[in-house]
Amino acid sequence: MSTQTKQPKDMSQDAFVKYQGFRNFPEFMLSYGLKIYNLDDVEEAKSILAGLRQAAQEQWEEENEKTR
C-alpha cells in the first residue's frame, strides 16, 4: 500500500523534487552533473524529472489499484 496520497502528476515541480529526496531543483541537477546556468542542462533536467514523474505515477497507480 502506498503511503503517498498525492499523485506524482499532481505535485508541483518543487514538491516532486523533494519527494525524490532532493532539497531543491539545483541539487537535483547537480546530482546528474548538470549546471543550473546552462539552459540546455536545465531542459535536460526537466526531461529527466518528467521521466521520473511518469514512472512514479505508474507505480502510484499500480499500488493504489491493489487497494481498491
N, C-alpha and C. Protein backbone atom coordinates (compact mmCIF):
# COMPACT_ATOMS: atom_id res chain seq x y z
N MET A 1 0.83 -1.18 0.00
CA MET A 1 0.00 0.00 0.00
C MET A 1 0.88 1.24 0.00
N SER A 2 0.55 2.22 -0.80
CA SER A 2 1.32 3.44 -0.89
C SER A 2 1.03 4.36 0.28
N THR A 3 2.09 4.96 0.82
CA THR A 3 1.90 5.94 1.87
C THR A 3 1.75 7.33 1.28
N GLN A 4 2.00 7.47 -0.01
CA GLN A 4 1.88 8.74 -0.69
C GLN A 4 0.45 8.90 -1.18
N THR A 5 -0.27 9.89 -0.64
CA THR A 5 -1.66 10.07 -1.03
C THR A 5 -1.81 10.98 -2.24
N LYS A 6 -0.93 11.96 -2.39
CA LYS A 6 -1.00 12.85 -3.54
C LYS A 6 -0.29 12.19 -4.72
N GLN A 7 -0.95 12.20 -5.85
CA GLN A 7 -0.38 11.58 -7.04
C GLN A 7 0.81 12.40 -7.54
N PRO A 8 1.87 11.75 -8.01
CA PRO A 8 3.02 12.48 -8.54
C PRO A 8 2.63 13.48 -9.64
N LYS A 9 1.65 13.13 -10.47
CA LYS A 9 1.25 14.04 -11.55
C LYS A 9 0.63 15.33 -11.03
N ASP A 10 0.17 15.32 -9.79
CA ASP A 10 -0.47 16.50 -9.20
C ASP A 10 0.47 17.34 -8.35
N MET A 11 1.72 16.90 -8.21
CA MET A 11 2.69 17.64 -7.39
C MET A 11 3.34 18.76 -8.21
N SER A 12 3.68 19.84 -7.52
CA SER A 12 4.47 20.89 -8.17
C SER A 12 5.87 20.33 -8.45
N GLN A 13 6.61 21.01 -9.30
CA GLN A 13 7.98 20.56 -9.59
C GLN A 13 8.78 20.51 -8.30
N ASP A 14 8.69 21.55 -7.47
CA ASP A 14 9.45 21.60 -6.22
C ASP A 14 9.06 20.46 -5.29
N ALA A 15 7.77 20.20 -5.16
CA ALA A 15 7.30 19.12 -4.29
C ALA A 15 7.79 17.76 -4.80
N PHE A 16 7.77 17.56 -6.12
CA PHE A 16 8.20 16.28 -6.66
C PHE A 16 9.71 16.10 -6.49
N VAL A 17 10.48 17.16 -6.68
CA VAL A 17 11.93 17.08 -6.46
C VAL A 17 12.21 16.66 -5.02
N LYS A 18 11.49 17.24 -4.08
CA LYS A 18 11.67 16.88 -2.67
C LYS A 18 11.20 15.45 -2.41
N TYR A 19 10.13 15.03 -3.05
CA TYR A 19 9.63 13.66 -2.95
C TYR A 19 10.69 12.67 -3.42
N GLN A 20 11.50 13.09 -4.39
CA GLN A 20 12.58 12.25 -4.91
C GLN A 20 13.81 12.24 -4.00
N GLY A 21 13.80 13.06 -2.95
CA GLY A 21 14.88 13.05 -1.98
C GLY A 21 15.89 14.18 -2.09
N PHE A 22 15.58 15.17 -2.90
CA PHE A 22 16.48 16.30 -3.06
C PHE A 22 15.92 17.52 -2.33
N ARG A 23 16.81 18.44 -1.94
CA ARG A 23 16.36 19.65 -1.25
C ARG A 23 15.72 20.64 -2.21
N ASN A 24 16.23 20.67 -3.45
CA ASN A 24 15.73 21.65 -4.42
C ASN A 24 16.16 21.24 -5.83
N PHE A 25 15.69 21.99 -6.82
CA PHE A 25 15.99 21.67 -8.22
C PHE A 25 17.48 21.78 -8.54
N PRO A 26 18.19 22.82 -8.07
CA PRO A 26 19.63 22.86 -8.35
C PRO A 26 20.38 21.64 -7.79
N GLU A 27 20.01 21.17 -6.61
CA GLU A 27 20.65 19.98 -6.06
C GLU A 27 20.36 18.76 -6.94
N PHE A 28 19.12 18.66 -7.42
CA PHE A 28 18.74 17.58 -8.34
C PHE A 28 19.62 17.63 -9.59
N MET A 29 19.77 18.84 -10.16
CA MET A 29 20.59 18.99 -11.36
C MET A 29 22.03 18.60 -11.10
N LEU A 30 22.59 19.05 -10.00
CA LEU A 30 23.98 18.72 -9.67
C LEU A 30 24.20 17.22 -9.54
N SER A 31 23.19 16.52 -9.03
CA SER A 31 23.33 15.07 -8.87
C SER A 31 23.47 14.37 -10.22
N TYR A 32 23.01 15.01 -11.28
CA TYR A 32 23.14 14.47 -12.63
C TYR A 32 24.30 15.13 -13.40
N GLY A 33 25.08 15.94 -12.70
CA GLY A 33 26.22 16.61 -13.33
C GLY A 33 25.82 17.75 -14.25
N LEU A 34 24.63 18.31 -14.02
CA LEU A 34 24.11 19.38 -14.86
C LEU A 34 24.32 20.73 -14.17
N LYS A 35 24.47 21.78 -14.97
CA LYS A 35 24.73 23.13 -14.46
C LYS A 35 23.47 23.98 -14.53
N ILE A 36 23.14 24.65 -13.44
CA ILE A 36 21.93 25.47 -13.37
C ILE A 36 22.00 26.67 -14.32
N TYR A 37 23.20 27.14 -14.65
CA TYR A 37 23.37 28.31 -15.51
C TYR A 37 23.37 27.95 -17.01
N ASN A 38 23.30 26.68 -17.33
CA ASN A 38 23.29 26.23 -18.72
C ASN A 38 21.85 25.85 -19.10
N LEU A 39 21.26 26.63 -20.01
CA LEU A 39 19.85 26.40 -20.36
C LEU A 39 19.60 25.02 -20.95
N ASP A 40 20.55 24.48 -21.70
CA ASP A 40 20.38 23.12 -22.23
C ASP A 40 20.35 22.11 -21.09
N ASP A 41 21.19 22.32 -20.07
CA ASP A 41 21.19 21.43 -18.91
C ASP A 41 19.88 21.53 -18.14
N VAL A 42 19.33 22.73 -18.03
CA VAL A 42 18.05 22.91 -17.34
C VAL A 42 16.96 22.12 -18.07
N GLU A 43 16.95 22.21 -19.39
CA GLU A 43 15.96 21.47 -20.17
C GLU A 43 16.15 19.96 -20.02
N GLU A 44 17.41 19.52 -19.99
CA GLU A 44 17.68 18.09 -19.80
C GLU A 44 17.19 17.63 -18.42
N ALA A 45 17.42 18.46 -17.41
CA ALA A 45 16.97 18.13 -16.06
C ALA A 45 15.44 18.02 -16.01
N LYS A 46 14.76 18.92 -16.70
CA LYS A 46 13.30 18.87 -16.75
C LYS A 46 12.82 17.59 -17.44
N SER A 47 13.53 17.17 -18.48
CA SER A 47 13.18 15.92 -19.16
C SER A 47 13.39 14.71 -18.26
N ILE A 48 14.50 14.71 -17.54
CA ILE A 48 14.77 13.62 -16.59
C ILE A 48 13.68 13.58 -15.53
N LEU A 49 13.34 14.75 -15.01
CA LEU A 49 12.31 14.84 -13.98
C LEU A 49 10.96 14.36 -14.50
N ALA A 50 10.65 14.68 -15.75
CA ALA A 50 9.39 14.22 -16.35
C ALA A 50 9.35 12.70 -16.43
N GLY A 51 10.47 12.09 -16.80
CA GLY A 51 10.54 10.63 -16.85
C GLY A 51 10.39 10.00 -15.48
N LEU A 52 11.03 10.60 -14.49
CA LEU A 52 10.90 10.11 -13.12
C LEU A 52 9.46 10.25 -12.62
N ARG A 53 8.84 11.38 -12.97
CA ARG A 53 7.45 11.62 -12.55
C ARG A 53 6.52 10.60 -13.19
N GLN A 54 6.74 10.29 -14.46
CA GLN A 54 5.90 9.31 -15.15
C GLN A 54 6.03 7.94 -14.50
N ALA A 55 7.27 7.54 -14.20
CA ALA A 55 7.50 6.25 -13.55
C ALA A 55 6.87 6.21 -12.16
N ALA A 56 7.00 7.31 -11.42
CA ALA A 56 6.42 7.38 -10.07
C ALA A 56 4.90 7.34 -10.15
N GLN A 57 4.32 7.97 -11.17
CA GLN A 57 2.87 7.97 -11.34
C GLN A 57 2.38 6.56 -11.64
N GLU A 58 3.08 5.86 -12.52
CA GLU A 58 2.70 4.49 -12.86
C GLU A 58 2.78 3.60 -11.62
N GLN A 59 3.82 3.77 -10.83
CA GLN A 59 3.96 2.99 -9.60
C GLN A 59 2.83 3.33 -8.63
N TRP A 60 2.53 4.62 -8.50
CA TRP A 60 1.44 5.05 -7.61
C TRP A 60 0.13 4.41 -8.04
N GLU A 61 -0.15 4.41 -9.34
CA GLU A 61 -1.39 3.83 -9.85
C GLU A 61 -1.45 2.33 -9.58
N GLU A 62 -0.34 1.63 -9.78
CA GLU A 62 -0.31 0.19 -9.51
C GLU A 62 -0.56 -0.09 -8.04
N GLU A 63 0.10 0.65 -7.18
CA GLU A 63 -0.04 0.43 -5.73
C GLU A 63 -1.45 0.75 -5.25
N ASN A 64 -2.05 1.79 -5.80
CA ASN A 64 -3.37 2.18 -5.36
C ASN A 64 -4.48 1.37 -6.00
N GLU A 65 -4.20 0.76 -7.14
CA GLU A 65 -5.18 -0.14 -7.78
C GLU A 65 -5.35 -1.39 -6.93
N LYS A 66 -4.28 -1.85 -6.31
CA LYS A 66 -4.31 -3.06 -5.48
C LYS A 66 -5.14 -2.87 -4.22
N THR A 67 -5.29 -1.63 -3.77
CA THR A 67 -6.01 -1.38 -2.52
C THR A 67 -7.51 -1.19 -2.75
N ARG A 68 -7.94 -1.18 -3.99
CA ARG A 68 -9.37 -0.98 -4.29
C ARG A 68 -10.15 -2.25 -4.14
